[in-house]
Amino acid sequence: MIYLYCGDVLDFFDNYCINNLNMIITDPPFVISNKKNVTNKWNGYTSFKGDWDVVVSNKWVRLCCESLIEGGIFCSFGLFGNLANIYFVLEQLNYMQFLAHPIWEKINPAPSIHRRIYVNAAEFILIYSKGGNWTFNYEVAKELSGNKQMKNVWKAPVVKRILGRSRKHRSVLSNLILTLTNVGDIILDPFCGSGSIIESVVENGRIAIGVDNDDVVLEDLKRRLEEKDHEVQLCYL
């Protein structure tokens, strides 16, 4: 069963008392939209990403960490600027321990829109553990890396968006899921969007929970999952 919830992530935690998650993986809102929806005259780029790209209280970080089991893993994708606030919250939680910050090196990055700074060809993945008893499947990591120790720079192409929402490459997600969790573990994405994380969780034999405030993308995700014969439960908060 795959569990999807449509609504605000804070409402999700208000409605459900959860304390058995093995992992959080997410790509939180960028909060870079311009409500004026300025269009770049050279390439048609618009600055308004959508209603999902809104300021979200960092309270979600603490609630996610509280919902983890001992040894559970918190992972967040983002750029340095996006992750700074999340890092600050995690560092204030004395039960959370920094583990790593792998880098997804994009082999086909999008060009610089305004041409006033470098092309962004990488994303960071901030990884913390709840306490010291985390899972790391060393032999699996070696197998995924050609029988060598896995390094923290992972090269993979950019993935085409669905309904305007970004997606993560399957190999990057599999590196996280297969090395830091076990089959049957429960993984939450509190900002699941078009569902690339949810799809990878299920494909790798784990239980997926997704939350998002966009009913259109969730209905589309539900349809695509059911087309692959997955059983999906979609609830509205």
C-alpha atoms as a PDB file:
ATOM      1  CA  MET A   1       0.000   0.000   0.000  1.00  0.00           C
ATOM      2  CA  ILE A   2       1.160   3.527  -0.855  1.00  0.00           C
ATOM      3  CA  TYR A   3      -0.277   6.325   1.288  1.00  0.00           C
ATOM      4  CA  LEU A   4      -0.743   9.805  -0.213  1.00  0.00           C
ATOM      5  CA  TYR A   5      -2.109  12.806   1.681  1.00  0.00           C
ATOM      6  CA  CYS A   6      -3.267  16.054   0.090  1.00  0.00           C
ATOM      7  CA  GLY A   7      -2.875  19.093   2.314  1.00  0.00           C
ATOM      8  CA  ASP A   8      -0.399  21.073   4.387  1.00  0.00           C
ATOM      9  CA  VAL A   9       2.425  19.059   5.921  1.00  0.00           C
ATOM     10  CA  LEU A  10       1.808  20.663   9.340  1.00  0.00           C
ATOM     11  CA  ASP A  11      -1.832  19.555   9.168  1.00  0.00           C
ATOM     12  CA  PHE A  12      -0.605  16.054   8.348  1.00  0.00           C
ATOM     13  CA  PHE A  13       1.397  15.883  11.561  1.00  0.00           C
ATOM     14  CA  ASP A  14      -1.489  17.440  13.514  1.00  0.00           C
ATOM     15  CA  ASN A  15      -3.847  14.726  12.268  1.00  0.00           C
ATOM     16  CA  TYR A  16      -1.574  11.704  12.574  1.00  0.00           C
ATOM     17  CA  CYS A  17       0.630  10.665  15.476  1.00  0.00           C
ATOM     18  CA  ILE A  18       3.609   9.061  13.754  1.00  0.00           C
ATOM     19  CA  ASN A  19       6.721   7.750  15.468  1.00  0.00           C
ATOM     20  CA  ASN A  20       7.764   4.783  13.356  1.00  0.00           C
ATOM     21  CA  LEU A  21       9.410   6.281  10.274  1.00  0.00           C
ATOM     22  CA  ASN A  22      12.755   4.876   9.162  1.00  0.00           C
ATOM     23  CA  MET A  23      13.558   7.686   6.783  1.00  0.00           C
ATOM     24  CA  ILE A  24      12.559  11.115   5.517  1.00  0.00           C
ATOM     25  CA  ILE A  25      13.575  12.011   1.957  1.00  0.00           C
ATOM     26  CA  THR A  26      12.355  15.243   0.450  1.00  0.00           C
ATOM     27  CA  ASP A  27      12.979  18.203  -1.805  1.00  0.00           C
ATOM     28  CA  PRO A  28      11.262  21.060   0.063  1.00  0.00           C
ATOM     29  CA  PRO A  29       9.822  24.174  -1.608  1.00  0.00           C
ATOM     30  CA  PHE A  30      12.418  26.434  -3.205  1.00  0.00           C
ATOM     31  CA  VAL A  31      10.628  29.612  -2.039  1.00  0.00           C
ATOM     32  CA  ILE A  32      12.065  31.476  -5.031  1.00  0.00           C
ATOM     33  CA  SER A  33       8.842  32.344  -6.839  1.00  0.00           C
ATOM     34  CA  ASN A  34       7.987  35.890  -7.805  1.00  0.00           C
ATOM     35  CA  LYS A  35       4.238  36.474  -7.572  1.00  0.00           C
ATOM     36  CA  LYS A  36       4.513  39.105 -10.332  1.00  0.00           C
ATOM     37  CA  ASN A  37       5.304  36.179 -12.666  1.00  0.00           C
ATOM     38  CA  VAL A  38       7.955  38.084 -14.580  1.00  0.00           C
ATOM     39  CA  THR A  39       8.702  36.552 -17.980  1.00  0.00           C
ATOM     40  CA  ASN A  40      12.229  36.616 -19.384  1.00  0.00           C
ATOM     41  CA  LYS A  41      12.001  38.198 -22.836  1.00  0.00           C
ATOM     42  CA  TRP A  42      14.851  36.072 -24.202  1.00  0.00           C
ATOM     43  CA  ASN A  43      13.739  32.568 -23.297  1.00  0.00           C
ATOM     44  CA  GLY A  44      10.150  32.767 -21.970  1.00  0.00           C
ATOM     45  CA  TYR A  45      11.159  31.715 -18.432  1.00  0.00           C
ATOM     46  CA  THR A  46       8.528  32.678 -15.851  1.00  0.00           C
ATOM     47  CA  SER A  47       9.424  33.444 -12.256  1.00  0.00           C
ATOM     48  CA  PHE A  48       6.275  32.036 -10.606  1.00  0.00           C
ATOM     49  CA  LYS A  49       6.738  28.326  -9.889  1.00  0.00           C
ATOM     50  CA  GLY A  50       3.292  27.609  -8.491  1.00  0.00           C
ATOM     51  CA  ASP A  51       1.275  27.700  -5.283  1.00  0.00           C
ATOM     52  CA  TRP A  52       3.343  24.815  -3.928  1.00  0.00           C
ATOM     53  CA  ASP A  53       6.467  27.021  -3.845  1.00  0.00           C
ATOM     54  CA  VAL A  54       5.496  28.932  -0.730  1.00  0.00           C
ATOM     55  CA  VAL A  55       7.174  29.843   2.521  1.00  0.00           C
ATOM     56  CA  VAL A  56       6.873  26.864   4.839  1.00  0.00           C
ATOM     57  CA  SER A  57       7.550  27.106   8.560  1.00  0.00           C
ATOM     58  CA  ASN A  58      10.678  25.190   9.497  1.00  0.00           C
ATOM     59  CA  LYS A  59       8.531  23.495  12.122  1.00  0.00           C
ATOM     60  CA  TRP A  60       8.144  20.651   9.591  1.00  0.00           C
ATOM     61  CA  VAL A  61      11.812  19.731  10.054  1.00  0.00           C
ATOM     62  CA  ARG A  62      11.404  19.180  13.787  1.00  0.00           C
ATOM     63  CA  LEU A  63       8.143  17.260  13.315  1.00  0.00           C
ATOM     64  CA  CYS A  64       9.792  14.978  10.763  1.00  0.00           C
ATOM     65  CA  CYS A  65      12.712  14.275  13.078  1.00  0.00           C
ATOM     66  CA  GLU A  66      10.385  13.532  15.982  1.00  0.00           C
ATOM     67  CA  SER A  67       8.553  10.991  13.818  1.00  0.00           C
ATOM     68  CA  LEU A  68      11.727   8.989  13.131  1.00  0.00           C
ATOM     69  CA  ILE A  69      12.669   5.856  15.026  1.00  0.00           C
ATOM     70  CA  GLU A  70      16.015   5.755  16.803  1.00  0.00           C
ATOM     71  CA  GLY A  71      18.609   5.534  14.040  1.00  0.00           C
ATOM     72  CA  GLY A  72      16.183   6.945  11.481  1.00  0.00           C
ATOM     73  CA  ILE A  73      17.512   9.068   8.636  1.00  0.00           C
ATOM     74  CA  PHE A  74      16.606  12.608   7.524  1.00  0.00           C
ATOM     75  CA  CYS A  75      17.574  13.544   3.933  1.00  0.00           C
ATOM     76  CA  SER A  76      16.858  16.826   2.179  1.00  0.00           C
ATOM     77  CA  PHE A  77      17.788  17.840  -1.349  1.00  0.00           C
ATOM     78  CA  GLY A  78      18.583  21.450  -2.103  1.00  0.00           C
ATOM     79  CA  LEU A  79      21.065  24.171  -2.900  1.00  0.00           C
ATOM     80  CA  PHE A  80      23.308  25.572  -0.197  1.00  0.00           C
ATOM     81  CA  GLY A  81      21.058  28.590   0.327  1.00  0.00           C
ATOM     82  CA  ASN A  82      17.908  26.453   0.571  1.00  0.00           C
ATOM     83  CA  LEU A  83      19.496  24.019   3.006  1.00  0.00           C
ATOM     84  CA  ALA A  84      20.988  26.601   5.381  1.00  0.00           C
ATOM     85  CA  ASN A  85      17.756  27.068   7.364  1.00  0.00           C
ATOM     86  CA  ILE A  86      17.174  23.319   7.542  1.00  0.00           C
ATOM     87  CA  TYR A  87      20.741  22.765   8.736  1.00  0.00           C
ATOM     88  CA  PHE A  88      20.229  25.385  11.455  1.00  0.00           C
ATOM     89  CA  VAL A  89      17.101  23.612  12.748  1.00  0.00           C
ATOM     90  CA  LEU A  90      18.785  20.201  12.719  1.00  0.00           C
ATOM     91  CA  GLU A  91      21.780  21.526  14.634  1.00  0.00           C
ATOM     92  CA  GLN A  92      19.453  22.758  17.390  1.00  0.00           C
ATOM     93  CA  LEU A  93      18.060  19.240  17.875  1.00  0.00           C
ATOM     94  CA  ASN A  94      20.564  17.551  20.162  1.00  0.00           C
ATOM     95  CA  TYR A  95      19.319  14.090  19.197  1.00  0.00           C
ATOM     96  CA  MET A  96      20.120  14.592  15.492  1.00  0.00           C
ATOM     97  CA  GLN A  97      23.606  13.785  14.203  1.00  0.00           C
ATOM     98  CA  PHE A  98      25.166  14.975  10.945  1.00  0.00           C
ATOM     99  CA  LEU A  99      26.250  12.102   8.681  1.00  0.00           C
ATOM    100  CA  ALA A 100      27.020  13.288   5.163  1.00  0.00           C
ATOM    101  CA  HIS A 101      26.265  15.693   2.329  1.00  0.00           C
ATOM    102  CA  PRO A 102      26.441  13.796  -0.977  1.00  0.00           C
ATOM    103  CA  ILE A 103      26.407  15.835  -4.171  1.00  0.00           C
ATOM    104  CA  TRP A 104      24.310  15.036  -7.222  1.00  0.00           C
ATOM    105  CA  GLU A 105      26.428  16.232 -10.150  1.00  0.00           C
ATOM    106  CA  LYS A 106      24.067  16.849 -13.068  1.00  0.00           C
ATOM    107  CA  ILE A 107      25.661  15.841 -16.349  1.00  0.00           C
ATOM    108  CA  ASN A 108      23.122  17.843 -18.407  1.00  0.00           C
ATOM    109  CA  PRO A 109      22.252  20.882 -16.249  1.00  0.00           C
ATOM    110  CA  ALA A 110      19.851  23.585 -17.366  1.00  0.00           C
ATOM    111  CA  PRO A 111      21.577  26.705 -18.699  1.00  0.00           C
ATOM    112  CA  SER A 112      21.813  29.862 -16.607  1.00  0.00           C
ATOM    113  CA  ILE A 113      18.551  31.761 -17.139  1.00  0.00           C
ATOM    114  CA  HIS A 114      19.748  35.309 -16.492  1.00  0.00           C
ATOM    115  CA  ARG A 115      23.382  34.680 -17.503  1.00  0.00           C
ATOM    116  CA  ARG A 116      24.747  36.552 -14.498  1.00  0.00           C
ATOM    117  CA  ILE A 117      26.208  33.613 -12.535  1.00  0.00           C
ATOM    118  CA  TYR A 118      27.537  30.072 -13.065  1.00  0.00           C
ATOM    119  CA  VAL A 119      25.400  27.228 -14.365  1.00  0.00           C
ATOM    120  CA  ASN A 120      24.004  25.294 -11.412  1.00  0.00           C
ATOM    121  CA  ALA A 121      25.170  21.745 -12.069  1.00  0.00           C
ATOM    122  CA  ALA A 122      24.834  20.203  -8.616  1.00  0.00           C
ATOM    123  CA  GLU A 123      22.462  19.594  -5.723  1.00  0.00           C
ATOM    124  CA  PHE A 124      23.441  18.849  -2.158  1.00  0.00           C
ATOM    125  CA  ILE A 125      21.756  16.151  -0.086  1.00  0.00           C
ATOM    126  CA  LEU A 126      21.877  16.899   3.630  1.00  0.00           C
ATOM    127  CA  ILE A 127      21.819  13.699   5.692  1.00  0.00           C
ATOM    128  CA  TYR A 128      21.295  13.438   9.461  1.00  0.00           C
ATOM    129  CA  SER A 129      20.645  10.484  11.752  1.00  0.00           C
ATOM    130  CA  LYS A 130      18.446  10.376  14.839  1.00  0.00           C
ATOM    131  CA  GLY A 131      21.063   9.130  17.266  1.00  0.00           C
ATOM    132  CA  GLY A 132      24.042   6.962  16.464  1.00  0.00           C
ATOM    133  CA  ASN A 133      22.471   3.627  15.562  1.00  0.00           C
ATOM    134  CA  TRP A 134      21.804   4.291  11.867  1.00  0.00           C
ATOM    135  CA  THR A 135      21.721   1.752   9.046  1.00  0.00           C
ATOM    136  CA  PHE A 136      24.474   1.782   6.433  1.00  0.00           C
ATOM    137  CA  ASN A 137      24.506  -1.191   4.078  1.00  0.00           C
ATOM    138  CA  TYR A 138      28.191  -1.090   3.226  1.00  0.00           C
ATOM    139  CA  GLU A 139      28.243  -4.106   0.920  1.00  0.00           C
ATOM    140  CA  VAL A 140      25.241  -2.770  -1.014  1.00  0.00           C
ATOM    141  CA  ALA A 141      27.029   0.560  -1.402  1.00  0.00           C
ATOM    142  CA  LYS A 142      30.089  -1.223  -2.768  1.00  0.00           C
ATOM    143  CA  GLU A 143      27.995  -3.213  -5.224  1.00  0.00           C
ATOM    144  CA  LEU A 144      26.325  -0.034  -6.489  1.00  0.00           C
ATOM    145  CA  SER A 145      29.788   1.489  -6.970  1.00  0.00           C
ATOM    146  CA  GLY A 146      31.407  -1.279  -9.021  1.00  0.00           C
ATOM    147  CA  ASN A 147      32.832  -3.107  -5.992  1.00  0.00           C
ATOM    148  CA  LYS A 148      34.500   0.038  -4.662  1.00  0.00           C
ATOM    149  CA  GLN A 149      33.673   2.182  -1.656  1.00  0.00           C
ATOM    150  CA  MET A 150      30.866   4.563  -2.550  1.00  0.00           C
ATOM    151  CA  LYS A 151      31.963   8.174  -2.925  1.00  0.00           C
ATOM    152  CA  ASN A 152      29.767  11.141  -2.082  1.00  0.00           C
ATOM    153  CA  VAL A 153      29.591  12.605  -5.606  1.00  0.00           C
ATOM    154  CA  TRP A 154      26.966  10.924  -7.793  1.00  0.00           C
ATOM    155  CA  LYS A 155      26.738  11.732 -11.483  1.00  0.00           C
ATOM    156  CA  ALA A 156      23.327  11.471 -13.146  1.00  0.00           C
ATOM    157  CA  PRO A 157      21.274  13.437 -15.691  1.00  0.00           C
ATOM    158  CA  VAL A 158      18.494  15.872 -14.938  1.00  0.00           C
ATOM    159  CA  VAL A 159      15.037  14.276 -15.099  1.00  0.00           C
ATOM    160  CA  LYS A 160      12.160  15.812 -17.071  1.00  0.00           C
ATOM    161  CA  ARG A 161       9.577  17.592 -14.930  1.00  0.00           C
ATOM    162  CA  ILE A 162       5.993  16.389 -14.584  1.00  0.00           C
ATOM    163  CA  LEU A 163       3.299  19.073 -14.250  1.00  0.00           C
ATOM    164  CA  GLY A 164       6.020  21.621 -13.573  1.00  0.00           C
ATOM    165  CA  ARG A 165       7.449  19.777 -10.559  1.00  0.00           C
ATOM    166  CA  SER A 166      11.087  18.736 -10.408  1.00  0.00           C
ATOM    167  CA  ARG A 167      12.108  15.088 -10.231  1.00  0.00           C
ATOM    168  CA  LYS A 168      15.165  13.261  -8.937  1.00  0.00           C
ATOM    169  CA  HIS A 169      17.140  10.693 -10.894  1.00  0.00           C
ATOM    170  CA  ARG A 170      16.390   7.102  -9.957  1.00  0.00           C
ATOM    171  CA  SER A 171      20.051   6.176  -9.406  1.00  0.00           C
ATOM    172  CA  VAL A 172      20.558   9.029  -6.920  1.00  0.00           C
ATOM    173  CA  LEU A 173      17.467   8.025  -4.963  1.00  0.00           C
ATOM    174  CA  SER A 174      18.379   4.339  -5.053  1.00  0.00           C
ATOM    175  CA  ASN A 175      21.802   5.155  -3.601  1.00  0.00           C
ATOM    176  CA  LEU A 176      20.088   6.740  -0.602  1.00  0.00           C
ATOM    177  CA  ILE A 177      17.290   4.212  -0.149  1.00  0.00           C
ATOM    178  CA  LEU A 178      19.305   1.029  -0.632  1.00  0.00           C
ATOM    179  CA  THR A 179      22.278   2.063   1.511  1.00  0.00           C
ATOM    180  CA  LEU A 180      20.455   3.769   4.404  1.00  0.00           C
ATOM    181  CA  THR A 181      17.309   1.623   4.821  1.00  0.00           C
ATOM    182  CA  ASN A 182      16.190  -1.995   4.624  1.00  0.00           C
ATOM    183  CA  VAL A 183      13.377  -3.774   2.768  1.00  0.00           C
ATOM    184  CA  GLY A 184      10.032  -3.033   4.395  1.00  0.00           C
ATOM    185  CA  ASP A 185      11.149   0.211   6.028  1.00  0.00           C
ATOM    186  CA  ILE A 186       8.741   3.174   6.057  1.00  0.00           C
ATOM    187  CA  ILE A 187       9.814   6.330   4.204  1.00  0.00           C
ATOM    188  CA  LEU A 188       8.023   9.690   4.152  1.00  0.00           C
ATOM    189  CA  ASP A 189       8.327  12.482   1.595  1.00  0.00           C
ATOM    190  CA  PRO A 190       6.516  15.491   3.120  1.00  0.00           C
ATOM    191  CA  PHE A 191       6.689  17.475  -0.151  1.00  0.00           C
ATOM    192  CA  CYS A 192       6.295  14.654  -2.666  1.00  0.00           C
ATOM    193  CA  GLY A 193       5.143  16.634  -5.717  1.00  0.00           C
ATOM    194  CA  SER A 194       5.154  14.515  -8.874  1.00  0.00           C
ATOM    195  CA  GLY A 195       6.434  11.563  -6.883  1.00  0.00           C
ATOM    196  CA  SER A 196       9.881  10.536  -8.099  1.00  0.00           C
ATOM    197  CA  ILE A 197      10.889   9.800  -4.506  1.00  0.00           C
ATOM    198  CA  ILE A 198       7.671   7.868  -3.835  1.00  0.00           C
ATOM    199  CA  GLU A 199       8.192   5.799  -6.991  1.00  0.00           C
ATOM    200  CA  SER A 200      11.788   4.939  -6.044  1.00  0.00           C
ATOM    201  CA  VAL A 201      10.795   4.012  -2.503  1.00  0.00           C
ATOM    202  CA  VAL A 202       8.249   1.502  -3.807  1.00  0.00           C
ATOM    203  CA  GLU A 203      10.518   0.147  -6.546  1.00  0.00           C
ATOM    204  CA  ASN A 204      13.147  -0.593  -3.903  1.00  0.00           C
ATOM    205  CA  GLY A 205      10.777  -2.575  -1.671  1.00  0.00           C
ATOM    206  CA  ARG A 206      10.042   0.034   0.994  1.00  0.00           C
ATOM    207  CA  ILE A 207       6.720   1.494   2.194  1.00  0.00           C
ATOM    208  CA  ALA A 208       5.983   5.003   0.893  1.00  0.00           C
ATOM    209  CA  ILE A 209       4.069   7.890   2.460  1.00  0.00           C
ATOM    210  CA  GLY A 210       3.732  11.138   0.521  1.00  0.00           C
ATOM    211  CA  VAL A 211       2.279  14.534   1.405  1.00  0.00           C
ATOM    212  CA  ASP A 212       1.680  17.500  -0.899  1.00  0.00           C
ATOM    213  CA  ASN A 213      -0.706  20.459  -1.102  1.00  0.00           C
ATOM    214  CA  ASP A 214      -1.345  20.108  -4.849  1.00  0.00           C
ATOM    215  CA  ASP A 215      -4.287  17.823  -5.609  1.00  0.00           C
ATOM    216  CA  VAL A 216      -3.566  17.841  -9.351  1.00  0.00           C
ATOM    217  CA  VAL A 217      -0.079  16.353  -9.041  1.00  0.00           C
ATOM    218  CA  LEU A 218      -1.231  13.863  -6.409  1.00  0.00           C
ATOM    219  CA  GLU A 219      -4.112  12.620  -8.556  1.00  0.00           C
ATOM    220  CA  ASP A 220      -1.682  12.257 -11.462  1.00  0.00           C
ATOM    221  CA  LEU A 221       0.810  10.396  -9.261  1.00  0.00           C
ATOM    222  CA  LYS A 222      -1.940   8.091  -8.010  1.00  0.00           C
ATOM    223  CA  ARG A 223      -2.956   7.319 -11.597  1.00  0.00           C
ATOM    224  CA  ARG A 224       0.619   6.527 -12.663  1.00  0.00           C
ATOM    225  CA  LEU A 225       1.230   4.293  -9.656  1.00  0.00           C
ATOM    226  CA  GLU A 226      -2.021   2.394 -10.199  1.00  0.00           C
ATOM    227  CA  GLU A 227      -1.083   1.854 -13.837  1.00  0.00           C
ATOM    228  CA  LYS A 228       1.890  -0.103 -12.460  1.00  0.00           C
ATOM    229  CA  ASP A 229      -0.501  -2.207 -10.346  1.00  0.00           C
ATOM    230  CA  HIS A 230       0.345  -0.515  -7.046  1.00  0.00           C
ATOM    231  CA  GLU A 231      -2.385  -0.101  -4.447  1.00  0.00           C
ATOM    232  CA  VAL A 232      -2.698   3.580  -3.552  1.00  0.00           C
ATOM    233  CA  GLN A 233      -4.727   5.300  -0.843  1.00  0.00           C
ATOM    234  CA  LEU A 234      -5.212   9.063  -1.319  1.00  0.00           C
ATOM    235  CA  CYS A 235      -6.640  11.069   1.595  1.00  0.00           C
ATOM    236  CA  TYR A 236      -7.505  14.759   1.800  1.00  0.00           C
ATOM    237  CA  LEU A 237      -6.527  16.539   4.989  1.00  0.00           C
END
